């Protein structure tokens, strides 16, 4: 079944005159939930940083592998997916409930267009539950409080932070958000993370001009970080092999190329 909070407020906040990350990302992965302004900015960024479409596809592939791993190999039956983005194919609940129909998933986003689409696209298996919470990553306590209406926070949870901490511009604040989210879930919970990088050894130097352009012409503002900075979000957790690596290579087929977006799965002791 599907639970949640009706997305009536979303349309009122929708601004189609400025490119927005969720819609541009949707455009890069071949979706249709975007506008001309998103397409124009998306093409400009892709011209400056051609690997961005590969990053977007790699991030989706990482999500599928990570959720499949947690469901099939770690027995996780609850997911808190923060920064959901626009629903496409193989969303978190579809992957988890395909393997374990009783899985319960809470999606969190504050983008009005995501909110508008959430109720119609994020359906659930009869045995499981999906819920959608309209909330901001900067309010981890509010997210946890709302998520607890659907998830049993005394049991392990897969906390998903894919491509969301890069919108928290202050690194110390981003670390604190992660700390507070992890503190709210029990031992055996897992943190799933992706984040863009500036690191040149994985081709991240192109992120510098592309993100400068983005921040001048689109919303919300974004930042990349070094591998060391991203690793600091995982402090105190045990990394699952192969550790913090380009998300395209995390438990991927041999020979997968690198993208300038790190990914990791880590477990709370």
C-alpha atoms as a PDB file:
ATOM      1  CA  UNK A   1       0.000   0.000   0.000  1.00  0.00           C
ATOM      2  CA  UNK A   2       0.980   3.617  -0.287  1.00  0.00           C
ATOM      3  CA  UNK A   3       0.847   6.046   2.583  1.00  0.00           C
ATOM      4  CA  UNK A   4       1.986   9.609   2.911  1.00  0.00           C
ATOM      5  CA  UNK A   5       1.108  13.230   2.836  1.00  0.00           C
ATOM      6  CA  UNK A   6      -0.870  14.659  -0.112  1.00  0.00           C
ATOM      7  CA  UNK A   7       1.270  16.792  -2.441  1.00  0.00           C
ATOM      8  CA  UNK A   8      -1.181  19.680  -2.620  1.00  0.00           C
ATOM      9  CA  UNK A   9       1.404  22.334  -1.750  1.00  0.00           C
ATOM     10  CA  UNK A  10       3.865  21.333  -4.458  1.00  0.00           C
ATOM     11  CA  UNK A  11       2.302  23.011  -7.464  1.00  0.00           C
ATOM     12  CA  UNK A  12       2.194  26.349  -5.698  1.00  0.00           C
ATOM     13  CA  UNK A  13       5.960  26.313  -5.163  1.00  0.00           C
ATOM     14  CA  UNK A  14       6.805  25.157  -8.684  1.00  0.00           C
ATOM     15  CA  UNK A  15       9.019  27.603 -10.603  1.00  0.00           C
ATOM     16  CA  UNK A  16       9.471  26.678 -14.248  1.00  0.00           C
ATOM     17  CA  UNK A  17      11.474  29.797 -15.152  1.00  0.00           C
ATOM     18  CA  UNK A  18      14.694  28.608 -13.485  1.00  0.00           C
ATOM     19  CA  UNK A  19      16.406  25.274 -14.088  1.00  0.00           C
ATOM     20  CA  UNK A  20      16.132  22.921 -11.127  1.00  0.00           C
ATOM     21  CA  UNK A  21      18.397  20.012 -10.274  1.00  0.00           C
ATOM     22  CA  UNK A  22      15.736  17.299 -10.109  1.00  0.00           C
ATOM     23  CA  UNK A  23      14.396  18.206 -13.533  1.00  0.00           C
ATOM     24  CA  UNK A  24      17.832  18.620 -15.155  1.00  0.00           C
ATOM     25  CA  UNK A  25      18.937  15.280 -13.688  1.00  0.00           C
ATOM     26  CA  UNK A  26      15.755  13.762 -15.095  1.00  0.00           C
ATOM     27  CA  UNK A  27      16.675  15.200 -18.503  1.00  0.00           C
ATOM     28  CA  UNK A  28      20.197  13.751 -18.342  1.00  0.00           C
ATOM     29  CA  UNK A  29      18.908  10.235 -17.701  1.00  0.00           C
ATOM     30  CA  UNK A  30      16.362  10.459 -20.530  1.00  0.00           C
ATOM     31  CA  UNK A  31      13.237  11.331 -18.548  1.00  0.00           C
ATOM     32  CA  UNK A  32      10.361  13.547 -19.658  1.00  0.00           C
ATOM     33  CA  UNK A  33       9.639  15.474 -16.451  1.00  0.00           C
ATOM     34  CA  UNK A  34      11.563  18.606 -17.378  1.00  0.00           C
ATOM     35  CA  UNK A  35      11.109  21.945 -19.107  1.00  0.00           C
ATOM     36  CA  UNK A  36      12.926  23.856 -21.819  1.00  0.00           C
ATOM     37  CA  UNK A  37      14.895  25.860 -19.257  1.00  0.00           C
ATOM     38  CA  UNK A  38      16.112  22.582 -17.722  1.00  0.00           C
ATOM     39  CA  UNK A  39      17.064  21.238 -21.129  1.00  0.00           C
ATOM     40  CA  UNK A  40      18.983  24.396 -22.036  1.00  0.00           C
ATOM     41  CA  UNK A  41      20.965  24.413 -18.812  1.00  0.00           C
ATOM     42  CA  UNK A  42      21.437  20.649 -18.990  1.00  0.00           C
ATOM     43  CA  UNK A  43      22.884  20.922 -22.492  1.00  0.00           C
ATOM     44  CA  UNK A  44      25.179  23.765 -21.478  1.00  0.00           C
ATOM     45  CA  UNK A  45      26.515  21.847 -18.473  1.00  0.00           C
ATOM     46  CA  UNK A  46      26.913  18.701 -20.581  1.00  0.00           C
ATOM     47  CA  UNK A  47      28.861  20.722 -23.152  1.00  0.00           C
ATOM     48  CA  UNK A  48      31.226  21.923 -20.442  1.00  0.00           C
ATOM     49  CA  UNK A  49      31.393  18.587 -18.626  1.00  0.00           C
ATOM     50  CA  UNK A  50      30.461  15.822 -21.104  1.00  0.00           C
ATOM     51  CA  UNK A  51      30.775  13.028 -18.555  1.00  0.00           C
ATOM     52  CA  UNK A  52      27.756  14.325 -16.607  1.00  0.00           C
ATOM     53  CA  UNK A  53      25.305  12.022 -18.386  1.00  0.00           C
ATOM     54  CA  UNK A  54      27.522   9.057 -17.544  1.00  0.00           C
ATOM     55  CA  UNK A  55      27.573  10.264 -13.924  1.00  0.00           C
ATOM     56  CA  UNK A  56      23.767  10.396 -13.846  1.00  0.00           C
ATOM     57  CA  UNK A  57      23.464   6.873 -15.258  1.00  0.00           C
ATOM     58  CA  UNK A  58      26.177   5.565 -12.931  1.00  0.00           C
ATOM     59  CA  UNK A  59      24.392   7.007  -9.924  1.00  0.00           C
ATOM     60  CA  UNK A  60      21.182   5.187 -10.873  1.00  0.00           C
ATOM     61  CA  UNK A  61      23.099   1.965 -11.425  1.00  0.00           C
ATOM     62  CA  UNK A  62      24.758   2.315  -8.038  1.00  0.00           C
ATOM     63  CA  UNK A  63      21.360   2.803  -6.389  1.00  0.00           C
ATOM     64  CA  UNK A  64      20.095  -0.432  -7.921  1.00  0.00           C
ATOM     65  CA  UNK A  65      23.150  -2.436  -6.851  1.00  0.00           C
ATOM     66  CA  UNK A  66      23.237  -0.960  -3.346  1.00  0.00           C
ATOM     67  CA  UNK A  67      19.542  -1.506  -2.629  1.00  0.00           C
ATOM     68  CA  UNK A  68      19.738  -4.998  -4.072  1.00  0.00           C
ATOM     69  CA  UNK A  69      22.757  -5.769  -1.903  1.00  0.00           C
ATOM     70  CA  UNK A  70      21.156  -4.464   1.282  1.00  0.00           C
ATOM     71  CA  UNK A  71      17.909  -6.297   0.631  1.00  0.00           C
ATOM     72  CA  UNK A  72      19.291  -9.626  -0.559  1.00  0.00           C
ATOM     73  CA  UNK A  73      22.523  -9.891   1.429  1.00  0.00           C
ATOM     74  CA  UNK A  74      22.053  -7.741   4.527  1.00  0.00           C
ATOM     75  CA  UNK A  75      18.352  -8.406   5.179  1.00  0.00           C
ATOM     76  CA  UNK A  76      17.378  -4.735   5.227  1.00  0.00           C
ATOM     77  CA  UNK A  77      13.620  -4.277   4.938  1.00  0.00           C
ATOM     78  CA  UNK A  78      13.349  -0.541   5.617  1.00  0.00           C
ATOM     79  CA  UNK A  79      14.761   2.341   3.584  1.00  0.00           C
ATOM     80  CA  UNK A  80      14.844   6.068   4.203  1.00  0.00           C
ATOM     81  CA  UNK A  81      15.634   7.640   0.824  1.00  0.00           C
ATOM     82  CA  UNK A  82      16.493  11.334   1.302  1.00  0.00           C
ATOM     83  CA  UNK A  83      16.741  13.476  -1.813  1.00  0.00           C
ATOM     84  CA  UNK A  84      14.585  11.148  -3.856  1.00  0.00           C
ATOM     85  CA  UNK A  85      14.561  13.094  -7.090  1.00  0.00           C
ATOM     86  CA  UNK A  86      11.956  12.551  -9.780  1.00  0.00           C
ATOM     87  CA  UNK A  87      10.617   9.006  -9.944  1.00  0.00           C
ATOM     88  CA  UNK A  88      11.953   7.032 -12.901  1.00  0.00           C
ATOM     89  CA  UNK A  89      12.346   3.270 -13.345  1.00  0.00           C
ATOM     90  CA  UNK A  90      13.806   1.023 -10.675  1.00  0.00           C
ATOM     91  CA  UNK A  91      13.212   3.345  -7.772  1.00  0.00           C
ATOM     92  CA  UNK A  92      14.283   2.195  -4.315  1.00  0.00           C
ATOM     93  CA  UNK A  93      10.920   0.641  -3.436  1.00  0.00           C
ATOM     94  CA  UNK A  94      10.685  -1.233  -6.741  1.00  0.00           C
ATOM     95  CA  UNK A  95      14.107  -2.823  -6.281  1.00  0.00           C
ATOM     96  CA  UNK A  96      13.600  -3.661  -2.607  1.00  0.00           C
ATOM     97  CA  UNK A  97      10.043  -4.952  -2.950  1.00  0.00           C
ATOM     98  CA  UNK A  98      10.952  -7.054  -5.970  1.00  0.00           C
ATOM     99  CA  UNK A  99      13.284  -8.986  -3.669  1.00  0.00           C
ATOM    100  CA  UNK A 100      11.324  -8.593  -0.412  1.00  0.00           C
ATOM    101  CA  UNK A 101       7.710  -7.496  -1.003  1.00  0.00           C
ATOM    102  CA  UNK A 102       7.243  -6.583   2.666  1.00  0.00           C
ATOM    103  CA  UNK A 103       9.859  -3.810   2.477  1.00  0.00           C
ATOM    104  CA  UNK A 104       8.893  -0.361   3.735  1.00  0.00           C
ATOM    105  CA  UNK A 105      10.282   2.754   2.093  1.00  0.00           C
ATOM    106  CA  UNK A 106      10.037   6.423   3.004  1.00  0.00           C
ATOM    107  CA  UNK A 107      11.035   8.927   0.337  1.00  0.00           C
ATOM    108  CA  UNK A 108      12.053  12.451   1.334  1.00  0.00           C
ATOM    109  CA  UNK A 109      12.374  15.495  -0.913  1.00  0.00           C
ATOM    110  CA  UNK A 110      11.421  19.163  -0.865  1.00  0.00           C
ATOM    111  CA  UNK A 111      11.338  19.781  -4.606  1.00  0.00           C
ATOM    112  CA  UNK A 112       7.766  20.740  -5.569  1.00  0.00           C
ATOM    113  CA  UNK A 113       7.798  18.854  -8.871  1.00  0.00           C
ATOM    114  CA  UNK A 114       8.951  15.699  -7.072  1.00  0.00           C
ATOM    115  CA  UNK A 115       6.157  16.237  -4.578  1.00  0.00           C
ATOM    116  CA  UNK A 116       3.577  16.564  -7.364  1.00  0.00           C
ATOM    117  CA  UNK A 117       4.668  13.263  -8.935  1.00  0.00           C
ATOM    118  CA  UNK A 118       5.267  11.293  -5.757  1.00  0.00           C
ATOM    119  CA  UNK A 119       1.751  10.061  -5.062  1.00  0.00           C
ATOM    120  CA  UNK A 120       1.077   8.923  -8.606  1.00  0.00           C
ATOM    121  CA  UNK A 121       4.392   7.186  -9.293  1.00  0.00           C
ATOM    122  CA  UNK A 122       5.666   5.839  -5.970  1.00  0.00           C
ATOM    123  CA  UNK A 123       3.328   2.893  -5.554  1.00  0.00           C
ATOM    124  CA  UNK A 124       3.904  -0.117  -3.335  1.00  0.00           C
ATOM    125  CA  UNK A 125       3.553  -3.869  -3.274  1.00  0.00           C
ATOM    126  CA  UNK A 126       0.450  -5.018  -1.342  1.00  0.00           C
ATOM    127  CA  UNK A 127       2.657  -6.462   1.420  1.00  0.00           C
ATOM    128  CA  UNK A 128       4.890  -3.412   1.808  1.00  0.00           C
ATOM    129  CA  UNK A 129       4.527   0.329   2.265  1.00  0.00           C
ATOM    130  CA  UNK A 130       5.829   3.423   0.528  1.00  0.00           C
ATOM    131  CA  UNK A 131       5.475   6.874   2.007  1.00  0.00           C
ATOM    132  CA  UNK A 132       6.553  10.326   0.846  1.00  0.00           C
ATOM    133  CA  UNK A 133       7.634  13.112   3.186  1.00  0.00           C
ATOM    134  CA  UNK A 134       7.967  16.724   2.046  1.00  0.00           C
ATOM    135  CA  UNK A 135      11.003  17.817   4.068  1.00  0.00           C
ATOM    136  CA  UNK A 136      14.457  19.355   3.742  1.00  0.00           C
ATOM    137  CA  UNK A 137      17.762  17.567   4.326  1.00  0.00           C
ATOM    138  CA  UNK A 138      18.766  20.475   6.575  1.00  0.00           C
ATOM    139  CA  UNK A 139      16.133  19.258   9.087  1.00  0.00           C
ATOM    140  CA  UNK A 140      17.238  15.721   9.987  1.00  0.00           C
ATOM    141  CA  UNK A 141      15.180  15.608  13.169  1.00  0.00           C
ATOM    142  CA  UNK A 142      12.037  16.536  11.252  1.00  0.00           C
ATOM    143  CA  UNK A 143      12.798  13.860   8.661  1.00  0.00           C
ATOM    144  CA  UNK A 144      13.303  11.216  11.332  1.00  0.00           C
ATOM    145  CA  UNK A 145      10.133  12.208  13.163  1.00  0.00           C
ATOM    146  CA  UNK A 146       8.022  11.918  10.014  1.00  0.00           C
ATOM    147  CA  UNK A 147       9.762   8.733   8.874  1.00  0.00           C
ATOM    148  CA  UNK A 148       8.982   7.083  12.219  1.00  0.00           C
ATOM    149  CA  UNK A 149       5.297   7.157  11.254  1.00  0.00           C
ATOM    150  CA  UNK A 150       6.085   4.466   8.670  1.00  0.00           C
ATOM    151  CA  UNK A 151       9.406   2.894   9.673  1.00  0.00           C
ATOM    152  CA  UNK A 152      10.228   1.012  12.866  1.00  0.00           C
ATOM    153  CA  UNK A 153      13.361   2.827  13.972  1.00  0.00           C
ATOM    154  CA  UNK A 154      14.194   0.122  16.481  1.00  0.00           C
ATOM    155  CA  UNK A 155      15.071  -2.101  13.501  1.00  0.00           C
ATOM    156  CA  UNK A 156      17.838  -1.568  10.915  1.00  0.00           C
ATOM    157  CA  UNK A 157      17.259   1.003   8.202  1.00  0.00           C
ATOM    158  CA  UNK A 158      19.030   1.706   4.935  1.00  0.00           C
ATOM    159  CA  UNK A 159      19.584   5.476   4.941  1.00  0.00           C
ATOM    160  CA  UNK A 160      20.020   6.659   1.348  1.00  0.00           C
ATOM    161  CA  UNK A 161      21.855   9.938   0.675  1.00  0.00           C
ATOM    162  CA  UNK A 162      22.470   9.791  -3.063  1.00  0.00           C
ATOM    163  CA  UNK A 163      23.538  13.083  -4.596  1.00  0.00           C
ATOM    164  CA  UNK A 164      22.042  15.178  -1.800  1.00  0.00           C
ATOM    165  CA  UNK A 165      24.869  16.272   0.511  1.00  0.00           C
ATOM    166  CA  UNK A 166      26.386  18.196  -2.407  1.00  0.00           C
ATOM    167  CA  UNK A 167      23.509  20.663  -1.900  1.00  0.00           C
ATOM    168  CA  UNK A 168      24.633  21.282   1.679  1.00  0.00           C
ATOM    169  CA  UNK A 169      27.376  23.764   0.934  1.00  0.00           C
ATOM    170  CA  UNK A 170      28.982  23.823   4.391  1.00  0.00           C
ATOM    171  CA  UNK A 171      30.959  20.628   4.952  1.00  0.00           C
ATOM    172  CA  UNK A 172      30.712  20.778   8.730  1.00  0.00           C
ATOM    173  CA  UNK A 173      26.938  21.094   8.465  1.00  0.00           C
ATOM    174  CA  UNK A 174      26.807  18.152   6.063  1.00  0.00           C
ATOM    175  CA  UNK A 175      28.798  16.025   8.526  1.00  0.00           C
ATOM    176  CA  UNK A 176      26.435  17.004  11.322  1.00  0.00           C
ATOM    177  CA  UNK A 177      23.385  16.084   9.240  1.00  0.00           C
ATOM    178  CA  UNK A 178      24.828  12.632   8.604  1.00  0.00           C
ATOM    179  CA  UNK A 179      25.741  12.228  12.261  1.00  0.00           C
ATOM    180  CA  UNK A 180      22.223  13.058  13.403  1.00  0.00           C
ATOM    181  CA  UNK A 181      20.584  10.754  10.867  1.00  0.00           C
ATOM    182  CA  UNK A 182      22.870   7.857  11.773  1.00  0.00           C
ATOM    183  CA  UNK A 183      22.292   8.492  15.490  1.00  0.00           C
ATOM    184  CA  UNK A 184      18.544   8.030  14.951  1.00  0.00           C
ATOM    185  CA  UNK A 185      18.815   4.467  13.586  1.00  0.00           C
ATOM    186  CA  UNK A 186      20.010   1.311  15.365  1.00  0.00           C
ATOM    187  CA  UNK A 187      23.079  -0.871  14.953  1.00  0.00           C
ATOM    188  CA  UNK A 188      22.927  -2.872  11.754  1.00  0.00           C
ATOM    189  CA  UNK A 189      21.610   0.108   9.803  1.00  0.00           C
ATOM    190  CA  UNK A 190      23.464   1.098   6.643  1.00  0.00           C
ATOM    191  CA  UNK A 191      24.336   4.456   5.112  1.00  0.00           C
ATOM    192  CA  UNK A 192      24.335   4.609   1.303  1.00  0.00           C
ATOM    193  CA  UNK A 193      26.053   7.664  -0.143  1.00  0.00           C
ATOM    194  CA  UNK A 194      27.039   9.218  -3.467  1.00  0.00           C
ATOM    195  CA  UNK A 195      28.717  12.583  -3.920  1.00  0.00           C
ATOM    196  CA  UNK A 196      30.437  14.427  -6.807  1.00  0.00           C
ATOM    197  CA  UNK A 197      34.144  15.150  -6.539  1.00  0.00           C
ATOM    198  CA  UNK A 198      36.718  17.604  -7.830  1.00  0.00           C
ATOM    199  CA  UNK A 199      39.462  14.943  -7.687  1.00  0.00           C
ATOM    200  CA  UNK A 200      41.425  14.882 -10.934  1.00  0.00           C
ATOM    201  CA  UNK A 201      42.332  11.190 -10.737  1.00  0.00           C
ATOM    202  CA  UNK A 202      38.695  10.331 -11.546  1.00  0.00           C
ATOM    203  CA  UNK A 203      38.128  13.230 -13.969  1.00  0.00           C
ATOM    204  CA  UNK A 204      36.562  15.594 -11.461  1.00  0.00           C
ATOM    205  CA  UNK A 205      38.433  18.754 -12.461  1.00  0.00           C
ATOM    206  CA  UNK A 206      35.696  19.492 -15.010  1.00  0.00           C
ATOM    207  CA  UNK A 207      33.231  19.904 -12.175  1.00  0.00           C
ATOM    208  CA  UNK A 208      34.760  23.289 -11.315  1.00  0.00           C
ATOM    209  CA  UNK A 209      33.576  25.364 -14.323  1.00  0.00           C
ATOM    210  CA  UNK A 210      30.394  23.300 -14.727  1.00  0.00           C
ATOM    211  CA  UNK A 211      29.330  23.926 -11.146  1.00  0.00           C
ATOM    212  CA  UNK A 212      30.211  27.617 -11.404  1.00  0.00           C
ATOM    213  CA  UNK A 213      27.882  27.841 -14.409  1.00  0.00           C
ATOM    214  CA  UNK A 214      25.214  25.843 -12.591  1.00  0.00           C
ATOM    215  CA  UNK A 215      25.298  28.049  -9.524  1.00  0.00           C
ATOM    216  CA  UNK A 216      24.874  31.150 -11.700  1.00  0.00           C
ATOM    217  CA  UNK A 217      21.977  29.806 -13.769  1.00  0.00           C
ATOM    218  CA  UNK A 218      20.146  27.108 -11.807  1.00  0.00           C
ATOM    219  CA  UNK A 219      18.992  26.032  -8.380  1.00  0.00           C
ATOM    220  CA  UNK A 220      19.782  24.839  -5.780  1.00  0.00           C
ATOM    221  CA  UNK A 221      23.488  25.715  -5.541  1.00  0.00           C
ATOM    222  CA  UNK A 222      25.844  22.767  -5.514  1.00  0.00           C
ATOM    223  CA  UNK A 223      29.371  21.845  -4.514  1.00  0.00           C
ATOM    224  CA  UNK A 224      31.731  18.956  -5.130  1.00  0.00           C
ATOM    225  CA  UNK A 225      34.202  17.688  -2.528  1.00  0.00           C
ATOM    226  CA  UNK A 226      37.457  15.790  -2.317  1.00  0.00           C
ATOM    227  CA  UNK A 227      37.555  12.097  -1.557  1.00  0.00           C
ATOM    228  CA  UNK A 228      38.860  12.872   1.931  1.00  0.00           C
ATOM    229  CA  UNK A 229      35.989  15.255   2.633  1.00  0.00           C
ATOM    230  CA  UNK A 230      33.438  12.711   1.427  1.00  0.00           C
ATOM    231  CA  UNK A 231      35.112  10.007   3.516  1.00  0.00           C
ATOM    232  CA  UNK A 232      34.618  12.181   6.588  1.00  0.00           C
ATOM    233  CA  UNK A 233      30.845  11.708   6.267  1.00  0.00           C
ATOM    234  CA  UNK A 234      31.418   7.998   6.912  1.00  0.00           C
ATOM    235  CA  UNK A 235      33.482   8.423  10.080  1.00  0.00           C
ATOM    236  CA  UNK A 236      32.594   5.905  12.772  1.00  0.00           C
ATOM    237  CA  UNK A 237      30.952   3.524  10.304  1.00  0.00           C
ATOM    238  CA  UNK A 238      32.362   0.326   8.821  1.00  0.00           C
ATOM    239  CA  UNK A 239      32.749   0.520   5.058  1.00  0.00           C
ATOM    240  CA  UNK A 240      31.409  -2.354   2.990  1.00  0.00           C
ATOM    241  CA  UNK A 241      33.821  -3.580   0.324  1.00  0.00           C
ATOM    242  CA  UNK A 242      35.026  -2.144  -2.022  1.00  0.00           C
ATOM    243  CA  UNK A 243      34.856   0.978   0.147  1.00  0.00           C
ATOM    244  CA  UNK A 244      34.616   4.540  -1.127  1.00  0.00           C
ATOM    245  CA  UNK A 245      35.085   4.292  -4.892  1.00  0.00           C
ATOM    246  CA  UNK A 246      33.659   5.851  -8.056  1.00  0.00           C
ATOM    247  CA  UNK A 247      30.007   4.827  -7.884  1.00  0.00           C
ATOM    248  CA  UNK A 248      30.247   3.271 -11.340  1.00  0.00           C
ATOM    249  CA  UNK A 249      32.714   0.723  -9.912  1.00  0.00           C
ATOM    250  CA  UNK A 250      30.935  -0.185  -6.678  1.00  0.00           C
ATOM    251  CA  UNK A 251      30.234  -3.936  -6.995  1.00  0.00           C
ATOM    252  CA  UNK A 252      29.981  -3.453 -10.755  1.00  0.00           C
ATOM    253  CA  UNK A 253      31.005  -5.666 -13.621  1.00  0.00           C
ATOM    254  CA  UNK A 254      34.787  -5.953 -14.133  1.00  0.00           C
ATOM    255  CA  UNK A 255      36.213  -3.217 -16.317  1.00  0.00           C
ATOM    256  CA  UNK A 256      33.667  -0.560 -15.394  1.00  0.00           C
ATOM    257  CA  UNK A 257      35.053   2.928 -15.956  1.00  0.00           C
ATOM    258  CA  UNK A 258      35.426   5.613 -13.306  1.00  0.00           C
ATOM    259  CA  UNK A 259      33.148   8.628 -12.988  1.00  0.00           C
ATOM    260  CA  UNK A 260      33.774  11.698 -10.793  1.00  0.00           C
ATOM    261  CA  UNK A 261      31.097  10.671  -8.331  1.00  0.00           C
ATOM    262  CA  UNK A 262      32.094   8.621  -5.306  1.00  0.00           C
ATOM    263  CA  UNK A 263      29.823   6.012  -3.813  1.00  0.00           C
ATOM    264  CA  UNK A 264      29.920   3.942  -0.639  1.00  0.00           C
ATOM    265  CA  UNK A 265      27.866   1.731   1.639  1.00  0.00           C
ATOM    266  CA  UNK A 266      28.737   1.636   5.322  1.00  0.00           C
ATOM    267  CA  UNK A 267      27.219  -0.113   8.339  1.00  0.00           C
ATOM    268  CA  UNK A 268      26.583   1.206  11.832  1.00  0.00           C
ATOM    269  CA  UNK A 269      28.138  -1.047  14.437  1.00  0.00           C
END
